[in-house]
Amino acid sequence: MQIWVDADACPVVIKEILFRAAQRWERHVTLVSNQMLRTPPSPWLRAIQVPRGFDVADSYIVEHVQAGDLVITNDIPLASEVLHKQAMVINPRGERYTLDTIRERLAMRDMMEELRSVGVETGGPSAFSQADRRAFGNALDGVLQKAARPGA
């Protein structure tokens, strides 16, 4: 299992959790971004810089992800695309998306986008909290533990 990170909007604390998990679980983690990223020296970590542009990093991840891989993203359309390629998706707050839940998330995203387009103030996400960090760590550990089981 390869871990792909939509790194442009990924919180630093989540990247740090992923760096430690890569070492502990000996899993390749690839951060994809349209800006230069620094990663600690490790054979398990790689940063890919893609050209600037709308959804260029997303397209790179969709092109390279394989069934059984894990993608870390907040991007609902990207999550939908990789789920259809039979990859797993966790957002930085620890929520795991599935084919069953992604339709509702896409519909909600589209509705909020429509409201914003007509001038309705919808607010943004809440500040990233310690509970979000714990939820992400627990979700990631759950996926990695399951993948490490014989026959997984």
C-alpha atoms as a PDB file:
ATOM      1  CA  MET A   1       0.000   0.000   0.000  1.00  0.00           C
ATOM      2  CA  GLN A   2       1.308   3.372  -1.098  1.00  0.00           C
ATOM      3  CA  ILE A   3       0.125   6.480   0.773  1.00  0.00           C
ATOM      4  CA  TRP A   4      -0.576   9.552  -1.374  1.00  0.00           C
ATOM      5  CA  VAL A   5      -0.983  12.989   0.197  1.00  0.00           C
ATOM      6  CA  ASP A   6      -2.759  15.922  -1.436  1.00  0.00           C
ATOM      7  CA  ALA A   7      -0.161  18.083   0.272  1.00  0.00           C
ATOM      8  CA  ASP A   8      -1.016  21.672  -0.718  1.00  0.00           C
ATOM      9  CA  ALA A   9      -3.709  22.058   1.944  1.00  0.00           C
ATOM     10  CA  CYS A  10      -2.618  19.298   4.320  1.00  0.00           C
ATOM     11  CA  PRO A  11      -1.862  20.612   7.827  1.00  0.00           C
ATOM     12  CA  VAL A  12       1.794  20.391   8.889  1.00  0.00           C
ATOM     13  CA  VAL A  13       0.880  18.333  11.948  1.00  0.00           C
ATOM     14  CA  ILE A  14      -0.742  15.705   9.704  1.00  0.00           C
ATOM     15  CA  LYS A  15       2.358  15.552   7.509  1.00  0.00           C
ATOM     16  CA  GLU A  16       4.446  14.982  10.655  1.00  0.00           C
ATOM     17  CA  ILE A  17       2.171  12.101  11.707  1.00  0.00           C
ATOM     18  CA  LEU A  18       2.546  10.626   8.210  1.00  0.00           C
ATOM     19  CA  PHE A  19       6.349  10.967   8.323  1.00  0.00           C
ATOM     20  CA  ARG A  20       6.472   8.996  11.591  1.00  0.00           C
ATOM     21  CA  ALA A  21       3.992   6.392  10.301  1.00  0.00           C
ATOM     22  CA  ALA A  22       6.047   5.871   7.136  1.00  0.00           C
ATOM     23  CA  GLN A  23       9.079   4.971   9.250  1.00  0.00           C
ATOM     24  CA  ARG A  24       7.206   2.852  11.776  1.00  0.00           C
ATOM     25  CA  TRP A  25       5.127   0.897   9.238  1.00  0.00           C
ATOM     26  CA  GLU A  26       7.724   0.999   6.423  1.00  0.00           C
ATOM     27  CA  ARG A  27       5.195   2.388   3.969  1.00  0.00           C
ATOM     28  CA  HIS A  28       5.963   4.710   1.093  1.00  0.00           C
ATOM     29  CA  VAL A  29       4.398   8.142   1.538  1.00  0.00           C
ATOM     30  CA  THR A  30       4.307  10.471  -1.465  1.00  0.00           C
ATOM     31  CA  LEU A  31       3.371  14.114  -0.968  1.00  0.00           C
ATOM     32  CA  VAL A  32       2.077  15.771  -4.139  1.00  0.00           C
ATOM     33  CA  SER A  33       2.068  19.560  -4.258  1.00  0.00           C
ATOM     34  CA  ASN A  34       2.462  22.471  -6.635  1.00  0.00           C
ATOM     35  CA  GLN A  35       5.092  23.963  -4.347  1.00  0.00           C
ATOM     36  CA  MET A  36       8.445  22.703  -3.102  1.00  0.00           C
ATOM     37  CA  LEU A  37       8.101  20.576   0.046  1.00  0.00           C
ATOM     38  CA  ARG A  38      10.741  19.443   2.482  1.00  0.00           C
ATOM     39  CA  THR A  39      10.605  15.967   3.907  1.00  0.00           C
ATOM     40  CA  PRO A  40      12.906  14.363   6.437  1.00  0.00           C
ATOM     41  CA  PRO A  41      15.546  12.125   4.876  1.00  0.00           C
ATOM     42  CA  SER A  42      13.983   8.686   4.562  1.00  0.00           C
ATOM     43  CA  PRO A  43      13.701   5.949   1.951  1.00  0.00           C
ATOM     44  CA  TRP A  44       9.953   5.908   2.758  1.00  0.00           C
ATOM     45  CA  LEU A  45       9.229   9.562   1.935  1.00  0.00           C
ATOM     46  CA  ARG A  46       9.006  11.328  -1.404  1.00  0.00           C
ATOM     47  CA  ALA A  47       7.767  14.766  -2.444  1.00  0.00           C
ATOM     48  CA  ILE A  48       6.540  15.386  -5.985  1.00  0.00           C
ATOM     49  CA  GLN A  49       6.231  18.962  -7.201  1.00  0.00           C
ATOM     50  CA  VAL A  50       3.744  19.363 -10.037  1.00  0.00           C
ATOM     51  CA  PRO A  51       3.222  22.504 -12.142  1.00  0.00           C
ATOM     52  CA  ARG A  52       0.874  25.145 -10.778  1.00  0.00           C
ATOM     53  CA  GLY A  53      -2.655  24.941 -12.083  1.00  0.00           C
ATOM     54  CA  PHE A  54      -6.175  23.963 -11.202  1.00  0.00           C
ATOM     55  CA  ASP A  55      -6.300  20.360  -9.922  1.00  0.00           C
ATOM     56  CA  VAL A  56      -2.853  19.456 -11.313  1.00  0.00           C
ATOM     57  CA  ALA A  57      -1.842  17.713  -8.066  1.00  0.00           C
ATOM     58  CA  ASP A  58      -5.214  15.935  -7.946  1.00  0.00           C
ATOM     59  CA  SER A  59      -4.776  14.715 -11.515  1.00  0.00           C
ATOM     60  CA  TYR A  60      -1.307  13.400 -10.703  1.00  0.00           C
ATOM     61  CA  ILE A  61      -2.640  11.426  -7.747  1.00  0.00           C
ATOM     62  CA  VAL A  62      -5.569  10.007  -9.760  1.00  0.00           C
ATOM     63  CA  GLU A  63      -3.195   8.973 -12.544  1.00  0.00           C
ATOM     64  CA  HIS A  64      -0.787   7.165 -10.214  1.00  0.00           C
ATOM     65  CA  VAL A  65      -2.961   5.732  -7.424  1.00  0.00           C
ATOM     66  CA  GLN A  66      -3.570   1.997  -7.432  1.00  0.00           C
ATOM     67  CA  ALA A  67      -6.301  -0.152  -5.901  1.00  0.00           C
ATOM     68  CA  GLY A  68      -5.533  -0.649  -2.218  1.00  0.00           C
ATOM     69  CA  ASP A  69      -3.526   2.569  -1.869  1.00  0.00           C
ATOM     70  CA  LEU A  70      -4.451   5.210   0.695  1.00  0.00           C
ATOM     71  CA  VAL A  71      -5.040   8.868  -0.181  1.00  0.00           C
ATOM     72  CA  ILE A  72      -5.039  11.687   2.373  1.00  0.00           C
ATOM     73  CA  THR A  73      -7.137  14.621   1.150  1.00  0.00           C
ATOM     74  CA  ASN A  74      -9.827  17.130   2.033  1.00  0.00           C
ATOM     75  CA  ASP A  75     -10.782  17.405  -1.636  1.00  0.00           C
ATOM     76  CA  ILE A  76     -14.162  15.716  -2.119  1.00  0.00           C
ATOM     77  CA  PRO A  77     -13.992  15.355  -5.946  1.00  0.00           C
ATOM     78  CA  LEU A  78     -10.481  13.868  -5.658  1.00  0.00           C
ATOM     79  CA  ALA A  79     -11.717  11.486  -2.956  1.00  0.00           C
ATOM     80  CA  SER A  80     -14.546  10.375  -5.236  1.00  0.00           C
ATOM     81  CA  GLU A  81     -12.189   9.695  -8.149  1.00  0.00           C
ATOM     82  CA  VAL A  82      -9.721   7.620  -6.140  1.00  0.00           C
ATOM     83  CA  LEU A  83     -12.512   5.690  -4.408  1.00  0.00           C
ATOM     84  CA  HIS A  84     -13.704   4.650  -7.860  1.00  0.00           C
ATOM     85  CA  LYS A  85     -10.185   3.326  -8.479  1.00  0.00           C
ATOM     86  CA  GLN A  86     -10.619   1.182  -5.326  1.00  0.00           C
ATOM     87  CA  ALA A  87      -8.221   3.202  -3.187  1.00  0.00           C
ATOM     88  CA  MET A  88      -9.001   4.237   0.397  1.00  0.00           C
ATOM     89  CA  VAL A  89      -9.407   7.863   1.511  1.00  0.00           C
ATOM     90  CA  ILE A  90      -9.010   9.594   4.870  1.00  0.00           C
ATOM     91  CA  ASN A  91      -9.318  13.333   5.347  1.00  0.00           C
ATOM     92  CA  PRO A  92      -6.944  15.207   7.698  1.00  0.00           C
ATOM     93  CA  ARG A  93      -9.610  15.208  10.425  1.00  0.00           C
ATOM     94  CA  GLY A  94      -9.690  11.401  10.454  1.00  0.00           C
ATOM     95  CA  GLU A  95     -12.926  10.864   8.529  1.00  0.00           C
ATOM     96  CA  ARG A  96     -12.745   7.899   6.195  1.00  0.00           C
ATOM     97  CA  TYR A  97     -14.654   8.353   2.953  1.00  0.00           C
ATOM     98  CA  THR A  98     -16.322   5.397   1.263  1.00  0.00           C
ATOM     99  CA  LEU A  99     -18.323   4.982  -1.925  1.00  0.00           C
ATOM    100  CA  ASP A 100     -21.435   5.057   0.260  1.00  0.00           C
ATOM    101  CA  THR A 101     -20.564   8.357   1.990  1.00  0.00           C
ATOM    102  CA  ILE A 102     -18.903  10.238  -0.862  1.00  0.00           C
ATOM    103  CA  ARG A 103     -22.150  10.864  -2.798  1.00  0.00           C
ATOM    104  CA  GLU A 104     -23.604  12.762   0.164  1.00  0.00           C
ATOM    105  CA  ARG A 105     -20.359  14.717   0.611  1.00  0.00           C
ATOM    106  CA  LEU A 106     -20.328  15.653  -3.101  1.00  0.00           C
ATOM    107  CA  ALA A 107     -23.949  16.816  -2.929  1.00  0.00           C
ATOM    108  CA  MET A 108     -23.230  18.917   0.177  1.00  0.00           C
ATOM    109  CA  ARG A 109     -20.129  20.415  -1.440  1.00  0.00           C
ATOM    110  CA  ASP A 110     -22.086  21.325  -4.571  1.00  0.00           C
ATOM    111  CA  MET A 111     -24.898  22.890  -2.532  1.00  0.00           C
ATOM    112  CA  MET A 112     -22.448  24.998  -0.491  1.00  0.00           C
ATOM    113  CA  GLU A 113     -20.654  26.077  -3.652  1.00  0.00           C
ATOM    114  CA  GLU A 114     -23.962  27.156  -5.173  1.00  0.00           C
ATOM    115  CA  LEU A 115     -24.854  29.142  -2.045  1.00  0.00           C
ATOM    116  CA  ARG A 116     -21.473  30.904  -2.117  1.00  0.00           C
ATOM    117  CA  SER A 117     -21.917  31.711  -5.814  1.00  0.00           C
ATOM    118  CA  VAL A 118     -25.085  33.683  -5.035  1.00  0.00           C
ATOM    119  CA  GLY A 119     -23.447  35.561  -2.171  1.00  0.00           C
ATOM    120  CA  VAL A 120     -24.500  33.559   0.886  1.00  0.00           C
ATOM    121  CA  GLU A 121     -21.845  33.536   3.629  1.00  0.00           C
ATOM    122  CA  THR A 122     -21.303  29.878   4.455  1.00  0.00           C
ATOM    123  CA  GLY A 123     -18.269  30.190   6.726  1.00  0.00           C
ATOM    124  CA  GLY A 124     -15.351  27.848   6.602  1.00  0.00           C
ATOM    125  CA  PRO A 125     -14.228  24.771   8.442  1.00  0.00           C
ATOM    126  CA  SER A 126     -13.548  24.980  12.159  1.00  0.00           C
ATOM    127  CA  ALA A 127      -9.973  25.402  13.344  1.00  0.00           C
ATOM    128  CA  PHE A 128      -7.897  22.230  13.302  1.00  0.00           C
ATOM    129  CA  SER A 129      -7.941  20.828  16.845  1.00  0.00           C
ATOM    130  CA  GLN A 130      -6.086  18.338  18.999  1.00  0.00           C
ATOM    131  CA  ALA A 131      -9.129  16.060  18.703  1.00  0.00           C
ATOM    132  CA  ASP A 132      -8.833  16.235  14.880  1.00  0.00           C
ATOM    133  CA  ARG A 133      -5.172  15.282  15.142  1.00  0.00           C
ATOM    134  CA  ARG A 134      -5.998  12.285  17.379  1.00  0.00           C
ATOM    135  CA  ALA A 135      -8.843  11.207  15.093  1.00  0.00           C
ATOM    136  CA  PHE A 136      -6.512  11.270  12.088  1.00  0.00           C
ATOM    137  CA  GLY A 137      -3.805   9.306  13.909  1.00  0.00           C
ATOM    138  CA  ASN A 138      -6.326   6.688  15.022  1.00  0.00           C
ATOM    139  CA  ALA A 139      -7.843   6.365  11.537  1.00  0.00           C
ATOM    140  CA  LEU A 140      -4.398   6.051   9.936  1.00  0.00           C
ATOM    141  CA  ASP A 141      -3.264   3.448  12.476  1.00  0.00           C
ATOM    142  CA  GLY A 142      -6.462   1.469  11.886  1.00  0.00           C
ATOM    143  CA  VAL A 143      -5.876   1.351   8.124  1.00  0.00           C
ATOM    144  CA  LEU A 144      -2.188   0.479   8.514  1.00  0.00           C
ATOM    145  CA  GLN A 145      -2.867  -2.232  11.104  1.00  0.00           C
ATOM    146  CA  LYS A 146      -5.473  -3.811   8.852  1.00  0.00           C
ATOM    147  CA  ALA A 147      -3.069  -3.683   5.874  1.00  0.00           C
ATOM    148  CA  ALA A 148      -0.325  -5.339   7.946  1.00  0.00           C
ATOM    149  CA  ARG A 149      -2.452  -8.392   8.777  1.00  0.00           C
ATOM    150  CA  PRO A 150      -1.606 -11.557   6.865  1.00  0.00           C
ATOM    151  CA  GLY A 151      -3.872 -11.944   3.847  1.00  0.00           C
ATOM    152  CA  ALA A 152      -4.823  -8.258   3.789  1.00  0.00           C
END
